[in-house]
Amino acid sequence: MNNWKTDFEVKFHLEFTHVNGKKEAKYNSLIVEAENEEKAVEMVTYQYENSEFLIIDGVKKIWNY
């Protein structure tokens, strides 16, 4: 049993295409507590309801306690 906790920073952006063809991107990041990087990405995907506009840019381990 592993009692260690790990915080990950998940960087992502939401990319939209407007009716007039103009593209827009909103960049953001979230810090989540998860077992591993895959679970961290799952949490962010769930947060944004598996949006087709969500693009994960990277996951970085920032803290282990």
N, C-alpha and C. Protein backbone atom coordinates (compact mmCIF):
# COMPACT_ATOMS: atom_id res chain seq x y z
N MET A 1 0.85 -1.18 0.00
CA MET A 1 0.00 0.00 0.00
C MET A 1 0.89 1.24 0.00
N ASN A 2 0.58 2.15 -0.89
CA ASN A 2 1.38 3.36 -1.02
C ASN A 2 0.59 4.54 -0.46
N ASN A 3 1.11 5.18 0.58
CA ASN A 3 0.44 6.33 1.18
C ASN A 3 0.99 7.66 0.68
N TRP A 4 1.94 7.63 -0.25
CA TRP A 4 2.52 8.85 -0.77
C TRP A 4 1.53 9.54 -1.70
N LYS A 5 1.53 10.85 -1.65
CA LYS A 5 0.69 11.66 -2.52
C LYS A 5 1.58 12.39 -3.52
N THR A 6 1.08 12.58 -4.72
CA THR A 6 1.85 13.26 -5.75
C THR A 6 0.97 14.32 -6.40
N ASP A 7 1.52 15.53 -6.53
CA ASP A 7 0.83 16.61 -7.22
C ASP A 7 1.42 16.76 -8.62
N PHE A 8 0.56 16.91 -9.59
CA PHE A 8 0.96 17.10 -10.98
C PHE A 8 0.39 18.40 -11.50
N GLU A 9 1.16 19.10 -12.31
CA GLU A 9 0.66 20.26 -13.03
C GLU A 9 0.34 19.79 -14.45
N VAL A 10 -0.91 19.94 -14.83
CA VAL A 10 -1.35 19.55 -16.16
C VAL A 10 -1.59 20.82 -16.97
N LYS A 11 -0.78 21.03 -18.00
CA LYS A 11 -0.93 22.19 -18.87
C LYS A 11 -1.77 21.78 -20.07
N PHE A 12 -2.70 22.64 -20.45
CA PHE A 12 -3.61 22.32 -21.54
C PHE A 12 -4.13 23.60 -22.18
N HIS A 13 -4.77 23.43 -23.30
CA HIS A 13 -5.48 24.56 -23.90
C HIS A 13 -6.76 24.08 -24.55
N LEU A 14 -7.69 25.00 -24.67
CA LEU A 14 -8.95 24.75 -25.36
C LEU A 14 -8.87 25.50 -26.68
N GLU A 15 -9.08 24.79 -27.77
CA GLU A 15 -8.93 25.38 -29.09
C GLU A 15 -10.29 25.39 -29.79
N PHE A 16 -10.74 26.60 -30.14
CA PHE A 16 -12.04 26.78 -30.77
C PHE A 16 -11.87 27.33 -32.18
N THR A 17 -12.77 26.98 -33.06
CA THR A 17 -12.85 27.58 -34.39
C THR A 17 -14.20 28.27 -34.49
N HIS A 18 -14.16 29.58 -34.69
CA HIS A 18 -15.39 30.36 -34.79
C HIS A 18 -16.05 30.15 -36.15
N VAL A 19 -17.28 30.60 -36.26
CA VAL A 19 -18.04 30.46 -37.50
C VAL A 19 -17.33 31.14 -38.67
N ASN A 20 -16.66 32.25 -38.39
CA ASN A 20 -15.96 32.98 -39.46
C ASN A 20 -14.60 32.37 -39.81
N GLY A 21 -14.25 31.25 -39.18
CA GLY A 21 -13.00 30.55 -39.49
C GLY A 21 -11.83 30.93 -38.61
N LYS A 22 -11.99 31.95 -37.79
CA LYS A 22 -10.92 32.39 -36.89
C LYS A 22 -10.73 31.37 -35.77
N LYS A 23 -9.47 31.02 -35.49
CA LYS A 23 -9.16 30.08 -34.41
C LYS A 23 -8.78 30.85 -33.15
N GLU A 24 -9.19 30.31 -32.02
CA GLU A 24 -8.89 30.92 -30.73
C GLU A 24 -8.45 29.83 -29.77
N ALA A 25 -7.44 30.11 -28.98
CA ALA A 25 -6.95 29.14 -27.99
C ALA A 25 -6.89 29.80 -26.62
N LYS A 26 -7.38 29.11 -25.63
CA LYS A 26 -7.32 29.56 -24.23
C LYS A 26 -6.41 28.61 -23.48
N TYR A 27 -5.28 29.12 -23.00
CA TYR A 27 -4.28 28.30 -22.30
C TYR A 27 -4.52 28.35 -20.80
N ASN A 28 -4.29 27.21 -20.15
CA ASN A 28 -4.51 27.13 -18.72
C ASN A 28 -3.71 25.96 -18.16
N SER A 29 -3.68 25.84 -16.84
CA SER A 29 -3.09 24.68 -16.19
C SER A 29 -3.81 24.43 -14.88
N LEU A 30 -3.82 23.20 -14.45
CA LEU A 30 -4.40 22.80 -13.18
C LEU A 30 -3.39 21.96 -12.43
N ILE A 31 -3.41 22.08 -11.12
CA ILE A 31 -2.59 21.23 -10.26
C ILE A 31 -3.54 20.25 -9.59
N VAL A 32 -3.27 18.96 -9.81
CA VAL A 32 -4.13 17.92 -9.27
C VAL A 32 -3.30 16.90 -8.50
N GLU A 33 -3.94 16.26 -7.54
CA GLU A 33 -3.32 15.19 -6.77
C GLU A 33 -3.77 13.87 -7.38
N ALA A 34 -2.82 13.06 -7.82
CA ALA A 34 -3.17 11.81 -8.50
C ALA A 34 -2.10 10.76 -8.24
N GLU A 35 -2.42 9.51 -8.59
CA GLU A 35 -1.49 8.39 -8.42
C GLU A 35 -0.34 8.45 -9.42
N ASN A 36 -0.67 8.86 -10.66
CA ASN A 36 0.34 8.92 -11.71
C ASN A 36 -0.11 9.95 -12.77
N GLU A 37 0.74 10.13 -13.79
CA GLU A 37 0.45 11.13 -14.82
C GLU A 37 -0.83 10.81 -15.58
N GLU A 38 -1.05 9.55 -15.85
CA GLU A 38 -2.24 9.14 -16.60
C GLU A 38 -3.52 9.51 -15.84
N LYS A 39 -3.52 9.27 -14.54
CA LYS A 39 -4.69 9.61 -13.72
C LYS A 39 -4.88 11.12 -13.65
N ALA A 40 -3.80 11.88 -13.64
CA ALA A 40 -3.89 13.34 -13.62
C ALA A 40 -4.57 13.84 -14.89
N VAL A 41 -4.18 13.28 -16.03
CA VAL A 41 -4.81 13.66 -17.30
C VAL A 41 -6.29 13.28 -17.30
N GLU A 42 -6.62 12.12 -16.76
CA GLU A 42 -8.02 11.69 -16.67
C GLU A 42 -8.85 12.67 -15.85
N MET A 43 -8.27 13.17 -14.76
CA MET A 43 -8.99 14.11 -13.90
C MET A 43 -9.30 15.41 -14.64
N VAL A 44 -8.33 15.92 -15.39
CA VAL A 44 -8.54 17.16 -16.14
C VAL A 44 -9.55 16.92 -17.26
N THR A 45 -9.45 15.79 -17.92
CA THR A 45 -10.40 15.46 -18.98
C THR A 45 -11.82 15.38 -18.41
N TYR A 46 -11.96 14.78 -17.25
CA TYR A 46 -13.26 14.69 -16.59
C TYR A 46 -13.76 16.08 -16.20
N GLN A 47 -12.86 16.92 -15.73
CA GLN A 47 -13.23 18.29 -15.32
C GLN A 47 -13.84 19.06 -16.49
N TYR A 48 -13.31 18.83 -17.68
CA TYR A 48 -13.81 19.52 -18.87
C TYR A 48 -14.77 18.64 -19.68
N GLU A 49 -15.34 17.63 -19.03
CA GLU A 49 -16.38 16.77 -19.58
C GLU A 49 -16.00 16.17 -20.93
N ASN A 50 -14.74 15.75 -21.04
CA ASN A 50 -14.22 15.10 -22.24
C ASN A 50 -14.46 15.94 -23.49
N SER A 51 -14.24 17.24 -23.37
CA SER A 51 -14.50 18.19 -24.45
C SER A 51 -13.62 17.90 -25.66
N GLU A 52 -14.19 18.04 -26.85
CA GLU A 52 -13.43 17.86 -28.08
C GLU A 52 -12.44 18.99 -28.30
N PHE A 53 -12.60 20.10 -27.57
CA PHE A 53 -11.73 21.26 -27.72
C PHE A 53 -10.49 21.18 -26.82
N LEU A 54 -10.48 20.25 -25.87
CA LEU A 54 -9.39 20.13 -24.90
C LEU A 54 -8.18 19.44 -25.51
N ILE A 55 -7.02 20.08 -25.39
CA ILE A 55 -5.76 19.51 -25.87
C ILE A 55 -4.76 19.59 -24.72
N ILE A 56 -4.25 18.44 -24.30
CA ILE A 56 -3.27 18.37 -23.21
C ILE A 56 -1.89 18.70 -23.78
N ASP A 57 -1.22 19.70 -23.18
CA ASP A 57 0.10 20.11 -23.64
C ASP A 57 1.23 19.42 -22.90
N GLY A 58 1.00 19.07 -21.64
CA GLY A 58 2.06 18.42 -20.88
C GLY A 58 1.67 18.19 -19.44
N VAL A 59 2.36 17.24 -18.82
CA VAL A 59 2.14 16.91 -17.42
C VAL A 59 3.48 16.92 -16.73
N LYS A 60 3.55 17.60 -15.58
CA LYS A 60 4.81 17.73 -14.86
C LYS A 60 4.57 17.39 -13.38
N LYS A 61 5.40 16.50 -12.86
CA LYS A 61 5.35 16.15 -11.44
C LYS A 61 5.96 17.31 -10.65
N ILE A 62 5.20 17.86 -9.69
CA ILE A 62 5.74 19.02 -8.97
C ILE A 62 5.97 18.77 -7.48
N TRP A 63 5.31 17.77 -6.92
CA TRP A 63 5.47 17.58 -5.49
C TRP A 63 5.10 16.16 -5.11
N ASN A 64 5.89 15.57 -4.22
CA ASN A 64 5.61 14.23 -3.72
C ASN A 64 5.71 14.29 -2.21
N TYR A 65 4.65 13.88 -1.50
CA TYR A 65 4.67 13.92 -0.03
C TYR A 65 3.92 12.76 0.56
